[in-house]
């Protein structure tokens, strides 16, 4: 069973209440996950346990190491060295036709739960070219449909409802139907879990879909959406300048500040109909 939450005692202080009192509180789990290729460590990310195979597969695809599900021979959880076993290692065996990843000395493969590209030295080092032409995707989404998505995302966030400590990534159809949702302490992990699920299900490219993230839209999340062939990325908070530049380059629609009945459309405005 995935260790998505841990319960621990806290002292609740309410200045308008009857005074301090002890009570249990649910915390979102955060543990390291090591991804190994051919027995060698490739990356370590801090994540919320659960859907770890999807996380590893999504990471490998969005980093440009694999292109299709057929590039992976096996992917399995390993016990690692912890006692008791926490299964915080995913061992991936690639096909003989897949070239090994080129180690870039300018980047680090350790990522925190809040930043997945912190060790990369430049935009050129992280801009992975996607095989998908988003400009050819003519799908459109009604603004009214987009406005309904944050409430749908929040309603499906079961662990967030208990802990208040997780990001979410939700994949929706252009009609506003939720296809899959993943939660994680790291927003980039949540997206990788969605992408990895779609890869294993044979759904790539995700043409005609919307990816909604619960926080801001960063450069990295935009890159991941591009690598998965997603034409529209929406965020409840702000995008960064690099996210907007990359979305424009990719032919992607980028929506930010999706709250209530308003939103900002930064790129690809033709896909959002009013």
Protein backbone atom coordinates (compact mmCIF):
# COMPACT_ATOMS: atom_id res chain seq x y z
CA UNK A 1 0.00 0.00 0.00
CA UNK A 2 1.32 3.42 -0.95
CA UNK A 3 2.45 5.51 1.99
CA UNK A 4 0.72 8.70 0.85
CA UNK A 5 0.07 9.94 4.39
CA UNK A 6 1.50 9.64 7.86
CA UNK A 7 -0.31 10.54 11.06
CA UNK A 8 1.47 12.22 13.94
CA UNK A 9 0.36 14.09 17.09
CA UNK A 10 0.39 17.89 17.09
CA UNK A 11 -0.52 20.65 19.51
CA UNK A 12 -3.37 22.67 18.04
CA UNK A 13 -3.26 26.32 19.09
CA UNK A 14 -6.32 28.46 18.42
CA UNK A 15 -6.05 31.95 19.90
CA UNK A 16 -9.81 32.33 19.64
CA UNK A 17 -10.48 28.91 21.19
CA UNK A 18 -10.21 27.27 24.59
CA UNK A 19 -6.42 26.93 24.51
CA UNK A 20 -3.83 24.41 23.25
CA UNK A 21 -4.97 20.85 22.76
CA UNK A 22 -3.38 17.69 21.42
CA UNK A 23 -4.80 16.09 18.30
CA UNK A 24 -3.65 13.82 15.44
CA UNK A 25 -2.80 15.36 12.08
CA UNK A 26 -2.27 13.77 8.66
CA UNK A 27 0.91 14.75 6.81
CA UNK A 28 1.64 14.13 3.15
CA UNK A 29 4.42 11.56 2.82
CA UNK A 30 7.70 12.60 1.25
CA UNK A 31 10.38 10.00 0.52
CA UNK A 32 13.23 9.66 -1.97
CA UNK A 33 12.81 7.58 -5.10
CA UNK A 34 15.88 6.39 -6.98
CA UNK A 35 15.52 5.60 -10.68
CA UNK A 36 18.08 3.15 -12.02
CA UNK A 37 18.90 2.29 -15.62
CA UNK A 38 20.67 -0.98 -16.35
CA UNK A 39 21.60 -1.23 -12.68
CA UNK A 40 23.14 2.26 -12.51
CA UNK A 41 21.60 5.19 -10.57
CA UNK A 42 20.18 7.84 -12.90
CA UNK A 43 18.09 10.16 -10.72
CA UNK A 44 16.77 10.67 -7.22
CA UNK A 45 13.62 12.66 -6.65
CA UNK A 46 11.70 13.47 -3.49
CA UNK A 47 8.15 12.31 -4.03
CA UNK A 48 4.97 11.04 -2.41
CA UNK A 49 4.96 7.22 -2.71
CA UNK A 50 2.44 5.80 -5.12
CA UNK A 51 2.37 5.27 -8.90
CA UNK A 52 6.17 5.04 -8.79
CA UNK A 53 6.41 3.09 -12.05
CA UNK A 54 4.38 5.79 -13.78
CA UNK A 55 6.64 8.42 -12.23
CA UNK A 56 9.78 6.70 -13.52
CA UNK A 57 8.33 6.14 -16.99
CA UNK A 58 7.10 9.71 -17.21
CA UNK A 59 10.45 11.05 -16.08
CA UNK A 60 12.33 9.02 -18.70
CA UNK A 61 10.00 10.20 -21.46
CA UNK A 62 9.94 13.87 -20.51
CA UNK A 63 13.74 13.85 -20.20
CA UNK A 64 13.96 12.48 -23.75
CA UNK A 65 15.62 9.22 -22.68
CA UNK A 66 12.78 7.09 -24.11
CA UNK A 67 10.26 7.84 -26.84
CA UNK A 68 7.73 5.00 -26.65
CA UNK A 69 6.62 2.26 -24.29
CA UNK A 70 8.46 -0.23 -26.50
CA UNK A 71 11.76 1.35 -25.42
CA UNK A 72 11.29 -0.19 -21.96
CA UNK A 73 11.77 -3.92 -21.45
CA UNK A 74 10.94 -3.98 -17.74
CA UNK A 75 10.30 -1.47 -14.96
CA UNK A 76 9.91 -2.76 -11.41
CA UNK A 77 10.07 -1.64 -7.81
CA UNK A 78 13.06 -2.93 -5.85
CA UNK A 79 13.51 -3.27 -2.12
CA UNK A 80 16.58 -1.09 -1.89
CA UNK A 81 18.71 -1.10 1.26
CA UNK A 82 16.21 0.27 3.78
CA UNK A 83 14.97 -1.81 6.68
CA UNK A 84 12.08 -2.40 6.74
CA UNK A 85 11.74 -2.38 2.96
CA UNK A 86 10.33 0.88 1.61
CA UNK A 87 10.63 -0.01 -2.08
CA UNK A 88 12.09 3.39 -2.93
CA UNK A 89 13.96 2.18 -6.01
CA UNK A 90 12.64 1.67 -9.54
CA UNK A 91 14.85 -0.47 -11.76
CA UNK A 92 14.32 0.11 -15.48
CA UNK A 93 15.76 -2.05 -18.26
CA UNK A 94 15.80 -0.38 -21.65
CA UNK A 95 15.79 -2.11 -25.00
CA UNK A 96 19.13 -2.77 -26.66
CA UNK A 97 18.21 -0.22 -29.37
CA UNK A 98 17.89 2.64 -26.86
CA UNK A 99 21.11 4.64 -26.50
CA UNK A 100 22.23 5.31 -22.93
CA UNK A 101 21.51 8.80 -21.62
CA UNK A 102 24.29 11.29 -22.12
CA UNK A 103 25.44 12.51 -18.72
CA UNK A 104 25.54 16.29 -18.69
CA UNK A 105 28.12 17.51 -16.14
CA UNK A 106 26.23 20.80 -15.87
CA UNK A 107 23.14 19.17 -14.34
CA UNK A 108 22.46 17.27 -11.19
CA UNK A 109 20.11 14.30 -11.14
CA UNK A 110 19.03 14.97 -7.56
CA UNK A 111 15.78 16.92 -7.54
CA UNK A 112 13.80 18.25 -4.64
CA UNK A 113 10.04 17.99 -4.40
CA UNK A 114 9.66 21.61 -5.51
CA UNK A 115 12.14 21.89 -8.38
CA UNK A 116 12.98 19.35 -11.03
CA UNK A 117 15.53 21.31 -13.07
CA UNK A 118 17.52 22.99 -10.31
CA UNK A 119 20.87 21.61 -11.42
CA UNK A 120 20.65 22.38 -15.13
CA UNK A 121 22.93 25.17 -16.21
CA UNK A 122 21.06 26.72 -19.11
CA UNK A 123 17.89 26.67 -21.18
CA UNK A 124 19.73 24.75 -23.90
CA UNK A 125 20.51 22.00 -21.38
CA UNK A 126 16.85 21.44 -20.52
CA UNK A 127 15.00 22.20 -23.76
CA UNK A 128 14.27 18.68 -24.97
CA UNK A 129 12.80 18.59 -28.44
CA UNK A 130 9.47 16.85 -28.56
CA UNK A 131 8.58 14.53 -31.46
CA UNK A 132 5.04 15.95 -31.47
CA UNK A 133 3.90 18.94 -33.55
CA UNK A 134 1.47 20.80 -31.31
CA UNK A 135 0.85 23.40 -33.98
CA UNK A 136 -0.95 20.74 -36.03
CA UNK A 137 -3.40 20.10 -33.17
CA UNK A 138 -6.43 22.26 -33.96
CA UNK A 139 -8.48 21.22 -30.93
CA UNK A 140 -10.34 23.97 -29.08
CA UNK A 141 -11.71 24.29 -25.55
CA UNK A 142 -14.51 26.56 -24.39
CA UNK A 143 -13.54 29.12 -21.77
CA UNK A 144 -16.56 28.05 -19.72
CA UNK A 145 -15.24 24.48 -19.72
CA UNK A 146 -11.80 25.61 -18.55
CA UNK A 147 -13.37 27.64 -15.74
CA UNK A 148 -14.97 24.49 -14.34
CA UNK A 149 -11.76 22.44 -14.24
CA UNK A 150 -10.18 23.71 -10.97
CA UNK A 151 -13.26 22.69 -8.97
CA UNK A 152 -13.22 19.27 -10.64
CA UNK A 153 -9.52 18.91 -9.85
CA UNK A 154 -9.98 19.85 -6.20
CA UNK A 155 -12.96 17.50 -5.79
CA UNK A 156 -10.80 14.58 -6.95
CA UNK A 157 -7.83 15.39 -4.66
CA UNK A 158 -8.52 12.91 -1.87
CA UNK A 159 -5.12 13.07 -0.21
CA UNK A 160 -5.00 16.87 -0.39
CA UNK A 161 -8.34 16.98 1.38
CA UNK A 162 -6.73 15.14 4.31
CA UNK A 163 -3.32 16.82 4.36
CA UNK A 164 -3.48 20.13 2.48
CA UNK A 165 0.09 19.43 1.38
CA UNK A 166 0.06 18.06 -2.17
CA UNK A 167 0.19 19.38 -5.70
CA UNK A 168 -2.06 17.88 -8.34
CA UNK A 169 -1.98 17.36 -12.09
CA UNK A 170 -5.17 16.44 -13.89
CA UNK A 171 -5.62 15.35 -17.50
CA UNK A 172 -8.95 16.39 -19.02
CA UNK A 173 -10.66 15.99 -22.36
CA UNK A 174 -11.58 19.09 -24.34
CA UNK A 175 -15.13 18.57 -23.08
CA UNK A 176 -13.96 18.87 -19.46
CA UNK A 177 -14.05 15.20 -18.44
CA UNK A 178 -11.36 14.09 -16.00
CA UNK A 179 -9.26 11.28 -17.48
CA UNK A 180 -6.66 10.80 -14.75
CA UNK A 181 -5.40 12.70 -11.69
CA UNK A 182 -2.18 12.33 -9.76
CA UNK A 183 -1.05 13.98 -6.51
CA UNK A 184 2.46 14.49 -5.20
CA UNK A 185 4.52 16.79 -2.99
CA UNK A 186 6.34 17.78 -6.19
CA UNK A 187 4.37 19.38 -9.00
CA UNK A 188 6.81 17.95 -11.58
CA UNK A 189 6.33 14.46 -10.09
CA UNK A 190 2.56 14.76 -10.37
CA UNK A 191 2.91 15.60 -14.06
CA UNK A 192 5.38 12.77 -14.64
CA UNK A 193 2.92 10.35 -13.04
CA UNK A 194 0.22 11.49 -15.46
CA UNK A 195 2.55 11.24 -18.45
CA UNK A 196 3.86 7.84 -17.36
CA UNK A 197 0.30 6.54 -17.02
CA UNK A 198 -0.55 7.79 -20.51
CA UNK A 199 2.62 6.20 -21.90
CA UNK A 200 1.82 2.79 -20.41
CA UNK A 201 -1.77 3.06 -21.65
CA UNK A 202 -0.61 3.76 -25.20
CA UNK A 203 -2.31 7.17 -25.29
CA UNK A 204 0.57 9.35 -26.47
CA UNK A 205 0.44 11.88 -28.00
CA UNK A 206 -2.29 13.40 -25.85
CA UNK A 207 -3.79 15.44 -28.66
CA UNK A 208 -7.01 17.26 -27.82
CA UNK A 209 -6.40 17.15 -24.06
CA UNK A 210 -5.90 19.71 -21.30
CA UNK A 211 -3.35 19.37 -18.51
CA UNK A 212 -4.29 21.33 -15.38
CA UNK A 213 -1.76 21.85 -12.58
CA UNK A 214 -2.67 23.10 -9.12
CA UNK A 215 0.22 25.55 -8.76
CA UNK A 216 2.19 27.70 -11.15
CA UNK A 217 3.18 26.85 -14.71
CA UNK A 218 6.96 26.54 -14.83
CA UNK A 219 9.32 26.03 -17.77
CA UNK A 220 9.75 22.40 -16.78
CA UNK A 221 6.03 21.61 -16.67
CA UNK A 222 5.61 23.23 -20.07
CA UNK A 223 8.40 21.04 -21.44
CA UNK A 224 6.81 17.93 -19.96
CA UNK A 225 3.45 18.78 -21.53
CA UNK A 226 5.14 19.30 -24.89
CA UNK A 227 6.96 15.96 -24.64
CA UNK A 228 3.59 14.27 -24.05
CA UNK A 229 1.92 16.04 -26.99
CA UNK A 230 -0.50 18.04 -24.82
CA UNK A 231 -1.77 21.13 -26.68
CA UNK A 232 -3.12 23.08 -23.68
CA UNK A 233 -1.51 23.60 -20.28
CA UNK A 234 -3.51 25.44 -17.63
CA UNK A 235 -2.50 26.51 -14.13
CA UNK A 236 -4.39 28.06 -11.26
CA UNK A 237 -1.42 30.33 -10.60
CA UNK A 238 1.06 32.29 -12.70
CA UNK A 239 3.33 31.07 -15.48
CA UNK A 240 6.98 32.05 -15.69
CA UNK A 241 8.49 33.99 -18.57
CA UNK A 242 10.35 30.92 -19.78
CA UNK A 243 7.17 28.86 -19.65
CA UNK A 244 5.42 31.37 -21.89
CA UNK A 245 8.37 31.50 -24.29
CA UNK A 246 8.56 27.72 -24.56
CA UNK A 247 4.79 27.36 -24.99
CA UNK A 248 4.89 29.91 -27.81
CA UNK A 249 7.76 28.05 -29.46
CA UNK A 250 5.94 24.72 -29.14
CA UNK A 251 2.60 25.98 -30.47
CA UNK A 252 1.01 25.24 -27.10
CA UNK A 253 -1.83 27.13 -25.44
CA UNK A 254 -0.79 28.36 -22.00
CA UNK A 255 -3.44 29.50 -19.52
CA UNK A 256 -2.67 30.98 -16.12
CA UNK A 257 -4.58 32.39 -13.16
CA UNK A 258 -7.45 30.00 -13.93
CA UNK A 259 -9.67 30.99 -11.02
CA UNK A 260 -13.40 31.42 -10.77
CA UNK A 261 -14.72 32.77 -14.04
CA UNK A 262 -11.51 34.43 -15.25
CA UNK A 263 -8.20 33.37 -16.75
CA UNK A 264 -5.22 34.74 -18.66
CA UNK A 265 -4.39 33.14 -22.02
CA UNK A 266 -0.70 33.78 -22.70
CA UNK A 267 -0.13 31.79 -25.90
CA UNK A 268 -2.21 29.90 -28.42
CA UNK A 269 -5.30 32.03 -27.85
CA UNK A 270 -7.06 30.48 -30.87
CA UNK A 271 -7.69 27.27 -28.90
CA UNK A 272 -9.78 29.00 -26.21
CA UNK A 273 -13.26 29.88 -27.47
CA UNK A 274 -15.61 32.31 -25.79
